[in-house]
Amino acid sequence: MTANSPQVPENPTGLAQKLRNFLVVLIAAILSVALFLGLQTRTPSASLSDLAEAATPLDEAIANGKPTLIEFYANWCTSCQAMAPDIEAIEANYGDQVNFSMLNVDNTKWLPEMLSYRVDGIPHFVFLNAQGEDQGQAIGEIPKALLAENLDALIAGNDLPYAKAQGQVSELEASTGMAGSTDDPRSHGAQVVD
């Protein structure tokens, strides 16, 4: 080499750093593509609205001679939302033998049923035999296996093994239209004072 030409020392640390950075970017790109594809192929989870739309209307359920599972729910209920995939799976297994009826507690149309079944937390499940008679109730996030065992017993005409099962619930709140009413099941028997 001549005295005028600059000598560039080889820096093995710099080359290793560039290689490591390249690998990090490459792995991040691969993971991003995998995540994107995974989200695209994921099956959509059950929604309460879809389940309610597909549900058997209560009057039809009581009249058709099949056992019925009534679920009192609300779209804002996190416990109801958490159970939606289980309810969808149970309905897929039992739909030909049992009616599934969903009653939204935010619809005042269902107040008589809420009072009759003493609904004060949701989800609230009522198991009716083929004659429409209350055979038991379960309240809150109930494991799918327990609901299935109750449905098996209901279909067979036996006592429900988990007739009074209770899990985590979403408490009902007094609606603004019902303030002051002691008949509102969401008031928990307390008088609302303004």
N, C-alpha and C. Protein backbone atom coordinates (compact mmCIF):
# COMPACT_ATOMS: atom_id res chain seq x y z
N MET A 1 0.84 -1.16 0.00
CA MET A 1 0.00 0.00 0.00
C MET A 1 0.89 1.22 0.00
N THR A 2 0.33 2.23 -0.55
CA THR A 2 1.08 3.48 -0.62
C THR A 2 0.72 4.32 0.58
N ALA A 3 1.53 5.28 0.83
CA ALA A 3 1.33 6.14 1.98
C ALA A 3 0.11 7.01 1.81
N ASN A 4 -0.31 7.28 0.54
CA ASN A 4 -1.45 8.15 0.29
C ASN A 4 -2.80 7.42 0.40
N SER A 5 -2.84 6.15 0.27
CA SER A 5 -4.13 5.45 0.33
C SER A 5 -4.48 5.15 1.78
N PRO A 6 -5.73 5.50 2.15
CA PRO A 6 -6.14 5.27 3.53
C PRO A 6 -6.40 3.77 3.74
N GLN A 7 -6.01 3.32 4.86
CA GLN A 7 -6.23 1.92 5.17
C GLN A 7 -7.45 1.82 6.09
N VAL A 8 -8.42 1.02 5.66
CA VAL A 8 -9.65 0.84 6.43
C VAL A 8 -9.49 -0.46 7.22
N PRO A 9 -9.47 -0.32 8.53
CA PRO A 9 -9.33 -1.54 9.31
C PRO A 9 -10.64 -2.33 9.29
N GLU A 10 -10.52 -3.64 9.24
CA GLU A 10 -11.71 -4.47 9.28
C GLU A 10 -12.22 -4.48 10.70
N ASN A 11 -13.57 -4.30 10.84
CA ASN A 11 -14.19 -4.25 12.15
C ASN A 11 -15.15 -5.44 12.26
N PRO A 12 -14.70 -6.54 12.86
CA PRO A 12 -15.58 -7.71 12.94
C PRO A 12 -16.81 -7.44 13.82
N THR A 13 -16.70 -6.55 14.79
CA THR A 13 -17.82 -6.24 15.65
C THR A 13 -18.91 -5.53 14.87
N GLY A 14 -18.58 -4.61 13.99
CA GLY A 14 -19.55 -3.89 13.18
C GLY A 14 -20.28 -4.80 12.22
N LEU A 15 -19.58 -5.75 11.62
CA LEU A 15 -20.19 -6.70 10.71
C LEU A 15 -21.16 -7.61 11.46
N ALA A 16 -20.79 -8.05 12.63
CA ALA A 16 -21.67 -8.89 13.45
C ALA A 16 -22.92 -8.12 13.85
N GLN A 17 -22.76 -6.85 14.18
CA GLN A 17 -23.90 -6.01 14.57
C GLN A 17 -24.87 -5.86 13.40
N LYS A 18 -24.34 -5.64 12.19
CA LYS A 18 -25.20 -5.51 11.00
C LYS A 18 -25.94 -6.81 10.72
N LEU A 19 -25.26 -7.94 10.87
CA LEU A 19 -25.87 -9.24 10.65
C LEU A 19 -26.98 -9.50 11.67
N ARG A 20 -26.71 -9.16 12.94
CA ARG A 20 -27.71 -9.34 13.99
C ARG A 20 -28.94 -8.46 13.72
N ASN A 21 -28.73 -7.22 13.34
CA ASN A 21 -29.85 -6.32 13.04
C ASN A 21 -30.67 -6.84 11.87
N PHE A 22 -29.99 -7.36 10.84
CA PHE A 22 -30.69 -7.93 9.69
C PHE A 22 -31.55 -9.11 10.12
N LEU A 23 -31.02 -9.99 10.95
CA LEU A 23 -31.77 -11.16 11.43
C LEU A 23 -32.98 -10.73 12.27
N VAL A 24 -32.83 -9.72 13.11
CA VAL A 24 -33.94 -9.23 13.92
C VAL A 24 -35.06 -8.70 13.02
N VAL A 25 -34.70 -7.93 12.00
CA VAL A 25 -35.69 -7.40 11.07
C VAL A 25 -36.37 -8.53 10.30
N LEU A 26 -35.60 -9.51 9.87
CA LEU A 26 -36.15 -10.64 9.14
C LEU A 26 -37.13 -11.44 10.00
N ILE A 27 -36.76 -11.72 11.23
CA ILE A 27 -37.63 -12.47 12.14
C ILE A 27 -38.89 -11.67 12.44
N ALA A 28 -38.75 -10.36 12.66
CA ALA A 28 -39.92 -9.52 12.93
C ALA A 28 -40.87 -9.54 11.73
N ALA A 29 -40.34 -9.51 10.53
CA ALA A 29 -41.19 -9.54 9.33
C ALA A 29 -41.90 -10.88 9.22
N ILE A 30 -41.21 -11.96 9.48
CA ILE A 30 -41.82 -13.30 9.41
C ILE A 30 -42.93 -13.43 10.46
N LEU A 31 -42.66 -12.98 11.67
CA LEU A 31 -43.68 -13.04 12.73
C LEU A 31 -44.88 -12.18 12.40
N SER A 32 -44.66 -11.02 11.81
CA SER A 32 -45.77 -10.15 11.43
C SER A 32 -46.66 -10.81 10.38
N VAL A 33 -46.04 -11.43 9.39
CA VAL A 33 -46.81 -12.13 8.36
C VAL A 33 -47.58 -13.30 8.98
N ALA A 34 -46.93 -14.06 9.85
CA ALA A 34 -47.59 -15.20 10.50
C ALA A 34 -48.77 -14.72 11.34
N LEU A 35 -48.60 -13.64 12.09
CA LEU A 35 -49.68 -13.10 12.90
C LEU A 35 -50.84 -12.65 12.03
N PHE A 36 -50.54 -11.96 10.96
CA PHE A 36 -51.57 -11.48 10.04
C PHE A 36 -52.35 -12.66 9.45
N LEU A 37 -51.64 -13.68 8.97
CA LEU A 37 -52.30 -14.85 8.40
C LEU A 37 -53.09 -15.60 9.46
N GLY A 38 -52.57 -15.67 10.66
CA GLY A 38 -53.28 -16.35 11.75
C GLY A 38 -54.58 -15.66 12.08
N LEU A 39 -54.58 -14.34 12.09
CA LEU A 39 -55.81 -13.59 12.36
C LEU A 39 -56.82 -13.74 11.23
N GLN A 40 -56.32 -13.88 10.01
CA GLN A 40 -57.22 -14.02 8.86
C GLN A 40 -57.91 -15.37 8.84
N THR A 41 -57.24 -16.41 9.34
CA THR A 41 -57.82 -17.75 9.29
C THR A 41 -58.54 -18.12 10.57
N ARG A 42 -58.46 -17.28 11.57
CA ARG A 42 -59.12 -17.57 12.85
C ARG A 42 -60.63 -17.56 12.66
N THR A 43 -61.29 -18.53 13.28
CA THR A 43 -62.75 -18.56 13.20
C THR A 43 -63.31 -17.49 14.14
N PRO A 44 -64.33 -16.78 13.70
CA PRO A 44 -64.88 -15.74 14.55
C PRO A 44 -65.55 -16.36 15.78
N SER A 45 -65.38 -15.69 16.91
CA SER A 45 -65.99 -16.21 18.13
C SER A 45 -67.47 -15.85 18.14
N ALA A 46 -68.18 -16.59 18.94
CA ALA A 46 -69.62 -16.37 19.03
C ALA A 46 -69.91 -15.00 19.61
N SER A 47 -70.94 -14.37 19.10
CA SER A 47 -71.36 -13.10 19.68
C SER A 47 -72.75 -13.29 20.26
N LEU A 48 -73.04 -12.53 21.30
CA LEU A 48 -74.35 -12.59 21.93
C LEU A 48 -75.46 -12.24 20.94
N SER A 49 -75.21 -11.27 20.10
CA SER A 49 -76.22 -10.85 19.11
C SER A 49 -76.54 -12.00 18.15
N ASP A 50 -75.50 -12.71 17.70
CA ASP A 50 -75.73 -13.84 16.79
C ASP A 50 -76.50 -14.96 17.49
N LEU A 51 -76.11 -15.24 18.74
CA LEU A 51 -76.80 -16.28 19.49
C LEU A 51 -78.26 -15.91 19.73
N ALA A 52 -78.51 -14.66 20.08
CA ALA A 52 -79.88 -14.21 20.33
C ALA A 52 -80.72 -14.26 19.05
N GLU A 53 -80.12 -13.91 17.94
CA GLU A 53 -80.84 -13.92 16.67
C GLU A 53 -81.23 -15.35 16.26
N ALA A 54 -80.35 -16.31 16.58
CA ALA A 54 -80.61 -17.70 16.22
C ALA A 54 -81.48 -18.43 17.25
N ALA A 55 -81.72 -17.81 18.40
CA ALA A 55 -82.45 -18.46 19.49
C ALA A 55 -83.92 -18.67 19.14
N THR A 56 -84.49 -19.68 19.78
CA THR A 56 -85.92 -19.96 19.63
C THR A 56 -86.71 -18.95 20.45
N PRO A 57 -87.70 -18.29 19.87
CA PRO A 57 -88.53 -17.36 20.66
C PRO A 57 -89.16 -18.11 21.84
N LEU A 58 -89.26 -17.43 22.98
CA LEU A 58 -89.72 -18.08 24.21
C LEU A 58 -91.10 -18.71 24.07
N ASP A 59 -92.06 -18.01 23.49
CA ASP A 59 -93.41 -18.58 23.37
C ASP A 59 -93.41 -19.84 22.51
N GLU A 60 -92.62 -19.86 21.45
CA GLU A 60 -92.50 -21.04 20.59
C GLU A 60 -91.79 -22.18 21.35
N ALA A 61 -90.75 -21.84 22.11
CA ALA A 61 -90.01 -22.85 22.86
C ALA A 61 -90.90 -23.55 23.89
N ILE A 62 -91.70 -22.79 24.57
CA ILE A 62 -92.56 -23.37 25.61
C ILE A 62 -93.66 -24.24 25.00
N ALA A 63 -94.07 -23.92 23.78
CA ALA A 63 -95.19 -24.62 23.15
C ALA A 63 -94.79 -25.84 22.32
N ASN A 64 -93.50 -26.01 21.99
CA ASN A 64 -93.17 -27.05 21.01
C ASN A 64 -92.86 -28.43 21.61
N GLY A 65 -92.98 -28.60 22.93
CA GLY A 65 -92.84 -29.92 23.53
C GLY A 65 -91.42 -30.40 23.75
N LYS A 66 -90.44 -29.52 23.57
CA LYS A 66 -89.04 -29.88 23.85
C LYS A 66 -88.59 -29.15 25.11
N PRO A 67 -87.61 -29.71 25.84
CA PRO A 67 -87.04 -28.96 26.97
C PRO A 67 -86.42 -27.66 26.46
N THR A 68 -86.29 -26.70 27.36
CA THR A 68 -85.79 -25.38 26.98
C THR A 68 -84.75 -24.89 27.97
N LEU A 69 -83.70 -24.29 27.44
CA LEU A 69 -82.72 -23.56 28.25
C LEU A 69 -82.91 -22.09 27.94
N ILE A 70 -83.33 -21.33 28.95
CA ILE A 70 -83.47 -19.87 28.80
C ILE A 70 -82.21 -19.23 29.37
N GLU A 71 -81.64 -18.30 28.63
CA GLU A 71 -80.52 -17.52 29.16
C GLU A 71 -80.95 -16.06 29.21
N PHE A 72 -80.93 -15.49 30.42
CA PHE A 72 -81.10 -14.05 30.58
C PHE A 72 -79.70 -13.45 30.44
N TYR A 73 -79.57 -12.45 29.59
CA TYR A 73 -78.27 -11.88 29.28
C TYR A 73 -78.40 -10.39 28.98
N ALA A 74 -77.25 -9.75 28.78
CA ALA A 74 -77.19 -8.38 28.27
C ALA A 74 -75.92 -8.25 27.44
N ASN A 75 -75.95 -7.41 26.44
CA ASN A 75 -74.78 -7.24 25.58
C ASN A 75 -73.58 -6.67 26.34
N TRP A 76 -73.82 -5.89 27.39
CA TRP A 76 -72.73 -5.28 28.16
C TRP A 76 -72.15 -6.24 29.20
N CYS A 77 -72.75 -7.39 29.38
CA CYS A 77 -72.37 -8.35 30.43
C CYS A 77 -71.10 -9.11 30.03
N THR A 78 -70.02 -8.87 30.75
CA THR A 78 -68.75 -9.53 30.42
C THR A 78 -68.82 -11.03 30.69
N SER A 79 -69.55 -11.43 31.71
CA SER A 79 -69.70 -12.87 31.98
C SER A 79 -70.49 -13.54 30.86
N CYS A 80 -71.50 -12.87 30.35
CA CYS A 80 -72.29 -13.41 29.23
C CYS A 80 -71.41 -13.53 27.99
N GLN A 81 -70.61 -12.51 27.72
CA GLN A 81 -69.71 -12.53 26.57
C GLN A 81 -68.69 -13.65 26.70
N ALA A 82 -68.18 -13.86 27.91
CA ALA A 82 -67.19 -14.91 28.13
C ALA A 82 -67.78 -16.29 27.88
N MET A 83 -69.06 -16.46 28.16
CA MET A 83 -69.70 -17.77 27.99
C MET A 83 -70.23 -18.00 26.58
N ALA A 84 -70.29 -16.99 25.75
CA ALA A 84 -70.89 -17.12 24.41
C ALA A 84 -70.29 -18.27 23.59
N PRO A 85 -68.98 -18.45 23.55
CA PRO A 85 -68.45 -19.59 22.78
C PRO A 85 -68.91 -20.95 23.34
N ASP A 86 -68.99 -21.06 24.66
CA ASP A 86 -69.47 -22.32 25.26
C ASP A 86 -70.94 -22.55 24.93
N ILE A 87 -71.74 -21.50 25.00
CA ILE A 87 -73.16 -21.62 24.68
C ILE A 87 -73.33 -22.03 23.22
N GLU A 88 -72.53 -21.44 22.36
CA GLU A 88 -72.59 -21.79 20.93
C GLU A 88 -72.25 -23.27 20.74
N ALA A 89 -71.22 -23.76 21.42
CA ALA A 89 -70.83 -25.17 21.30
C ALA A 89 -71.91 -26.10 21.86
N ILE A 90 -72.48 -25.72 23.00
CA ILE A 90 -73.55 -26.54 23.60
C ILE A 90 -74.77 -26.56 22.69
N GLU A 91 -75.09 -25.43 22.13
CA GLU A 91 -76.24 -25.37 21.22
C GLU A 91 -76.00 -26.24 19.99
N ALA A 92 -74.77 -26.28 19.50
CA ALA A 92 -74.45 -27.12 18.35
C ALA A 92 -74.65 -28.60 18.69
N ASN A 93 -74.36 -28.99 19.93
CA ASN A 93 -74.50 -30.39 20.35
C ASN A 93 -75.93 -30.77 20.72
N TYR A 94 -76.69 -29.82 21.28
CA TYR A 94 -78.01 -30.14 21.82
C TYR A 94 -79.17 -29.48 21.08
N GLY A 95 -78.88 -28.72 20.05
CA GLY A 95 -79.90 -27.92 19.38
C GLY A 95 -81.08 -28.69 18.83
N ASP A 96 -80.89 -29.97 18.48
CA ASP A 96 -82.01 -30.75 17.96
C ASP A 96 -82.88 -31.33 19.07
N GLN A 97 -82.39 -31.31 20.33
CA GLN A 97 -83.13 -31.90 21.44
C GLN A 97 -83.66 -30.87 22.43
N VAL A 98 -83.06 -29.67 22.43
CA VAL A 98 -83.38 -28.64 23.42
C VAL A 98 -83.56 -27.30 22.71
N ASN A 99 -84.56 -26.53 23.14
CA ASN A 99 -84.70 -25.15 22.67
C ASN A 99 -83.71 -24.27 23.42
N PHE A 100 -83.14 -23.32 22.73
CA PHE A 100 -82.29 -22.32 23.35
C PHE A 100 -82.96 -20.97 23.14
N SER A 101 -83.34 -20.35 24.23
CA SER A 101 -84.04 -19.07 24.17
C SER A 101 -83.23 -18.04 24.95
N MET A 102 -83.03 -16.87 24.37
CA MET A 102 -82.24 -15.82 25.02
C MET A 102 -83.10 -14.59 25.23
N LEU A 103 -83.10 -14.10 26.48
CA LEU A 103 -83.90 -12.93 26.84
C LEU A 103 -82.97 -11.83 27.34
N ASN A 104 -82.98 -10.71 26.65
CA ASN A 104 -82.12 -9.58 27.00
C ASN A 104 -82.76 -8.80 28.16
N VAL A 105 -82.05 -8.72 29.28
CA VAL A 105 -82.60 -8.05 30.47
C VAL A 105 -82.78 -6.55 30.28
N ASP A 106 -82.18 -5.99 29.26
CA ASP A 106 -82.35 -4.56 28.99
C ASP A 106 -83.65 -4.27 28.25
N ASN A 107 -84.34 -5.32 27.82
CA ASN A 107 -85.62 -5.17 27.13
C ASN A 107 -86.72 -5.33 28.18
N THR A 108 -87.45 -4.27 28.47
CA THR A 108 -88.49 -4.31 29.52
C THR A 108 -89.60 -5.30 29.20
N LYS A 109 -89.68 -5.76 27.99
CA LYS A 109 -90.65 -6.79 27.62
C LYS A 109 -90.49 -8.03 28.50
N TRP A 110 -89.26 -8.30 28.96
CA TRP A 110 -88.97 -9.52 29.71
C TRP A 110 -89.06 -9.33 31.23
N LEU A 111 -89.53 -8.18 31.70
CA LEU A 111 -89.63 -7.95 33.15
C LEU A 111 -90.50 -9.01 33.86
N PRO A 112 -91.63 -9.41 33.30
CA PRO A 112 -92.41 -10.45 34.00
C PRO A 112 -91.61 -11.75 34.18
N GLU A 113 -90.86 -12.15 33.16
CA GLU A 113 -90.05 -13.36 33.26
C GLU A 113 -88.91 -13.15 34.25
N MET A 114 -88.32 -11.95 34.25
CA MET A 114 -87.23 -11.66 35.20
C MET A 114 -87.75 -11.74 36.64
N LEU A 115 -88.95 -11.24 36.86
CA LEU A 115 -89.54 -11.32 38.20
C LEU A 115 -89.89 -12.76 38.55
N SER A 116 -90.46 -13.47 37.62
CA SER A 116 -90.88 -14.84 37.86
C SER A 116 -89.69 -15.74 38.22
N TYR A 117 -88.57 -15.56 37.54
CA TYR A 117 -87.40 -16.40 37.78
C TYR A 117 -86.38 -15.75 38.72
N ARG A 118 -86.76 -14.61 39.29
CA ARG A 118 -85.93 -13.91 40.29
C ARG A 118 -84.52 -13.61 39.77
N VAL A 119 -84.45 -13.03 38.61
CA VAL A 119 -83.17 -12.71 37.97
C VAL A 119 -82.58 -11.47 38.62
N ASP A 120 -81.44 -11.63 39.27
CA ASP A 120 -80.75 -10.46 39.85
C ASP A 120 -79.28 -10.43 39.48
N GLY A 121 -78.85 -11.34 38.66
CA GLY A 121 -77.49 -11.36 38.13
C GLY A 121 -77.50 -12.15 36.83
N ILE A 122 -76.59 -11.83 35.95
CA ILE A 122 -76.55 -12.51 34.66
C ILE A 122 -75.13 -12.96 34.35
N PRO A 123 -74.99 -13.98 33.54
CA PRO A 123 -76.04 -14.75 32.90
C PRO A 123 -76.82 -15.57 33.92
N HIS A 124 -78.08 -15.74 33.64
CA HIS A 124 -78.99 -16.50 34.50
C HIS A 124 -79.67 -17.53 33.59
N PHE A 125 -79.45 -18.80 33.89
CA PHE A 125 -79.97 -19.89 33.07
C PHE A 125 -81.15 -20.56 33.78
N VAL A 126 -82.21 -20.80 33.04
CA VAL A 126 -83.38 -21.49 33.57
C VAL A 126 -83.60 -22.72 32.69
N PHE A 127 -83.72 -23.88 33.35
CA PHE A 127 -83.93 -25.15 32.66
C PHE A 127 -85.40 -25.54 32.79
N LEU A 128 -86.10 -25.59 31.66
CA LEU A 128 -87.52 -25.93 31.64
C LEU A 128 -87.69 -27.31 31.00
N ASN A 129 -88.55 -28.14 31.60
CA ASN A 129 -88.82 -29.45 31.00
C ASN A 129 -89.71 -29.26 29.77
N ALA A 130 -90.09 -30.37 29.15
CA ALA A 130 -90.89 -30.32 27.92
C ALA A 130 -92.26 -29.68 28.14
N GLN A 131 -92.73 -29.67 29.39
CA GLN A 131 -94.02 -29.04 29.70
C GLN A 131 -93.86 -27.56 30.09
N GLY A 132 -92.64 -27.04 30.03
CA GLY A 132 -92.41 -25.64 30.36
C GLY A 132 -92.27 -25.36 31.84
N GLU A 133 -92.06 -26.41 32.66
CA GLU A 133 -91.93 -26.25 34.11
C GLU A 133 -90.47 -26.07 34.50
N ASP A 134 -90.22 -25.16 35.43
CA ASP A 134 -88.87 -24.86 35.92
C ASP A 134 -88.30 -26.09 36.64
N GLN A 135 -87.17 -26.57 36.15
CA GLN A 135 -86.51 -27.73 36.75
C GLN A 135 -85.25 -27.35 37.53
N GLY A 136 -84.81 -26.10 37.38
CA GLY A 136 -83.62 -25.63 38.08
C GLY A 136 -83.04 -24.43 37.37
N GLN A 137 -82.14 -23.75 38.07
CA GLN A 137 -81.52 -22.55 37.53
C GLN A 137 -80.04 -22.56 37.86
N ALA A 138 -79.26 -21.95 37.01
CA ALA A 138 -77.83 -21.77 37.24
C ALA A 138 -77.53 -20.30 36.96
N ILE A 139 -76.67 -19.74 37.75
CA ILE A 139 -76.39 -18.30 37.64
C ILE A 139 -74.90 -18.09 37.50
N GLY A 140 -74.52 -17.23 36.56
CA GLY A 140 -73.13 -16.84 36.40
C GLY A 140 -72.39 -17.68 35.38
N GLU A 141 -71.07 -17.49 35.36
CA GLU A 141 -70.21 -18.24 34.44
C GLU A 141 -70.11 -19.67 34.93
N ILE A 142 -70.82 -20.53 34.27
CA ILE A 142 -70.89 -21.94 34.62
C ILE A 142 -70.05 -22.72 33.60
N PRO A 143 -69.22 -23.65 34.06
CA PRO A 143 -68.44 -24.45 33.10
C PRO A 143 -69.35 -25.19 32.12
N LYS A 144 -68.88 -25.29 30.91
CA LYS A 144 -69.64 -25.93 29.84
C LYS A 144 -70.05 -27.35 30.23
N ALA A 145 -69.17 -28.08 30.90
CA ALA A 145 -69.46 -29.46 31.29
C ALA A 145 -70.66 -29.54 32.24
N LEU A 146 -70.78 -28.57 33.15
CA LEU A 146 -71.91 -28.58 34.08
C LEU A 146 -73.22 -28.29 33.36
N LEU A 147 -73.19 -27.33 32.44
CA LEU A 147 -74.39 -27.04 31.65
C LEU A 147 -74.79 -28.27 30.84
N ALA A 148 -73.81 -28.95 30.26
CA ALA A 148 -74.10 -30.14 29.45
C ALA A 148 -74.70 -31.25 30.32
N GLU A 149 -74.18 -31.44 31.53
CA GLU A 149 -74.74 -32.47 32.42
C GLU A 149 -76.18 -32.12 32.81
N ASN A 150 -76.44 -30.84 33.04
CA ASN A 150 -77.83 -30.42 33.33
C ASN A 150 -78.73 -30.69 32.13
N LEU A 151 -78.24 -30.41 30.93
CA LEU A 151 -79.07 -30.65 29.73
C LEU A 151 -79.30 -32.14 29.52
N ASP A 152 -78.29 -32.97 29.76
CA ASP A 152 -78.48 -34.42 29.64
C ASP A 152 -79.57 -34.90 30.59
N ALA A 153 -79.53 -34.41 31.83
CA ALA A 153 -80.55 -34.79 32.82
C ALA A 153 -81.92 -34.25 32.41
N LEU A 154 -81.98 -33.03 31.91
CA LEU A 154 -83.23 -32.43 31.48
C LEU A 154 -83.87 -33.25 30.36
N ILE A 155 -83.06 -33.66 29.39
CA ILE A 155 -83.55 -34.45 28.26
C ILE A 155 -84.06 -35.81 28.75
N ALA A 156 -83.34 -36.41 29.71
CA ALA A 156 -83.72 -37.73 30.23
C ALA A 156 -84.88 -37.65 31.22
N GLY A 157 -85.26 -36.45 31.63
CA GLY A 157 -86.34 -36.29 32.60
C GLY A 157 -85.90 -36.54 34.03
N ASN A 158 -84.61 -36.44 34.29
CA ASN A 158 -84.05 -36.66 35.63
C ASN A 158 -83.82 -35.33 36.34
N ASP A 159 -83.57 -35.42 37.67
CA ASP A 159 -83.21 -34.22 38.42
C ASP A 159 -81.89 -33.67 37.90
N LEU A 160 -81.79 -32.35 37.87
CA LEU A 160 -80.56 -31.72 37.39
C LEU A 160 -79.46 -31.86 38.44
N PRO A 161 -78.28 -32.34 38.05
CA PRO A 161 -77.20 -32.49 39.04
C PRO A 161 -76.66 -31.15 39.53
N TYR A 162 -76.78 -30.13 38.73
CA TYR A 162 -76.28 -28.80 39.10
C TYR A 162 -77.41 -27.79 38.96
N ALA A 163 -78.51 -28.07 39.62
CA ALA A 163 -79.71 -27.24 39.51
C ALA A 163 -79.53 -25.86 40.13
N LYS A 164 -78.59 -25.73 41.03
CA LYS A 164 -78.38 -24.43 41.68
C LYS A 164 -76.93 -23.98 41.55
N ALA A 165 -76.31 -24.31 40.43
CA ALA A 165 -74.91 -23.92 40.20
C ALA A 165 -74.80 -22.40 40.15
N GLN A 166 -73.69 -21.91 40.68
CA GLN A 166 -73.48 -20.47 40.67
C GLN A 166 -72.03 -20.16 40.37
N GLY A 167 -71.80 -19.24 39.45
CA GLY A 167 -70.47 -18.78 39.08
C GLY A 167 -70.43 -17.27 39.13
N GLN A 168 -69.39 -16.70 38.53
CA GLN A 168 -69.24 -15.25 38.52
C GLN A 168 -70.36 -14.62 37.70
N VAL A 169 -70.97 -13.57 38.24
CA VAL A 169 -72.09 -12.90 37.56
C VAL A 169 -71.75 -11.44 37.29
N SER A 170 -72.50 -10.88 36.38
CA SER A 170 -72.52 -9.43 36.19
C SER A 170 -73.78 -8.95 36.88
N GLU A 171 -73.62 -8.07 37.84
CA GLU A 171 -74.77 -7.57 38.59
C GLU A 171 -75.62 -6.69 37.69
N LEU A 172 -76.92 -6.78 37.88
CA LEU A 172 -77.83 -5.93 37.14
C LEU A 172 -77.89 -4.58 37.81
N GLU A 173 -77.98 -3.55 36.99
CA GLU A 173 -78.06 -2.18 37.50
C GLU A 173 -79.46 -1.67 37.23
N ALA A 174 -79.97 -0.84 38.11
CA ALA A 174 -81.29 -0.24 37.89
C ALA A 174 -81.25 0.63 36.64
N SER A 175 -82.21 0.42 35.77
CA SER A 175 -82.27 1.25 34.56
C SER A 175 -82.87 2.60 34.91
N THR A 176 -82.54 3.60 34.11
CA THR A 176 -83.03 4.95 34.40
C THR A 176 -84.53 5.02 34.29
N GLY A 177 -85.13 4.20 33.43
CA GLY A 177 -86.58 4.23 33.27
C GLY A 177 -87.31 3.58 34.43
N MET A 178 -86.59 2.85 35.28
CA MET A 178 -87.23 2.12 36.36
C MET A 178 -86.90 2.71 37.73
N ALA A 179 -86.25 3.83 37.76
CA ALA A 179 -85.84 4.40 39.05
C ALA A 179 -87.04 4.58 39.95
N GLY A 180 -86.89 4.17 41.19
CA GLY A 180 -87.96 4.33 42.17
C GLY A 180 -88.92 3.17 42.21
N SER A 181 -88.81 2.24 41.29
CA SER A 181 -89.73 1.10 41.26
C SER A 181 -89.15 -0.04 42.07
N THR A 182 -89.89 -0.54 43.03
CA THR A 182 -89.43 -1.69 43.80
C THR A 182 -89.74 -2.99 43.08
N ASP A 183 -90.50 -2.92 41.97
CA ASP A 183 -90.81 -4.12 41.21
C ASP A 183 -89.69 -4.49 40.25
N ASP A 184 -88.73 -3.60 40.04
CA ASP A 184 -87.64 -3.86 39.12
C ASP A 184 -86.70 -4.89 39.73
N PRO A 185 -86.52 -6.04 39.10
CA PRO A 185 -85.65 -7.06 39.68
C PRO A 185 -84.20 -6.59 39.78
N ARG A 186 -83.86 -5.54 39.07
CA ARG A 186 -82.51 -5.02 39.15
C ARG A 186 -82.31 -4.13 40.37
N SER A 187 -83.37 -3.85 41.10
CA SER A 187 -83.26 -2.99 42.28
C SER A 187 -82.84 -3.78 43.49
N HIS A 188 -82.81 -5.11 43.41
CA HIS A 188 -82.46 -6.00 44.54
C HIS A 188 -83.32 -5.72 45.75
N GLY A 189 -84.56 -5.31 45.51
CA GLY A 189 -85.50 -5.09 46.61
C GLY A 189 -85.30 -3.77 47.35
N ALA A 190 -84.36 -2.97 46.92
CA ALA A 190 -84.09 -1.70 47.59
C ALA A 190 -84.85 -0.58 46.90
N GLN A 191 -85.33 0.33 47.65
CA GLN A 191 -86.03 1.49 47.10
C GLN A 191 -84.97 2.51 46.67
N VAL A 192 -85.12 3.02 45.46
CA VAL A 192 -84.20 4.02 44.95
C VAL A 192 -84.65 5.38 45.45
N VAL A 193 -83.76 6.13 46.07
CA VAL A 193 -84.08 7.46 46.58
C VAL A 193 -83.33 8.48 45.76
N ASP A 194 -84.04 9.47 45.25
CA ASP A 194 -83.39 10.52 44.43
C ASP A 194 -82.75 11.56 45.32
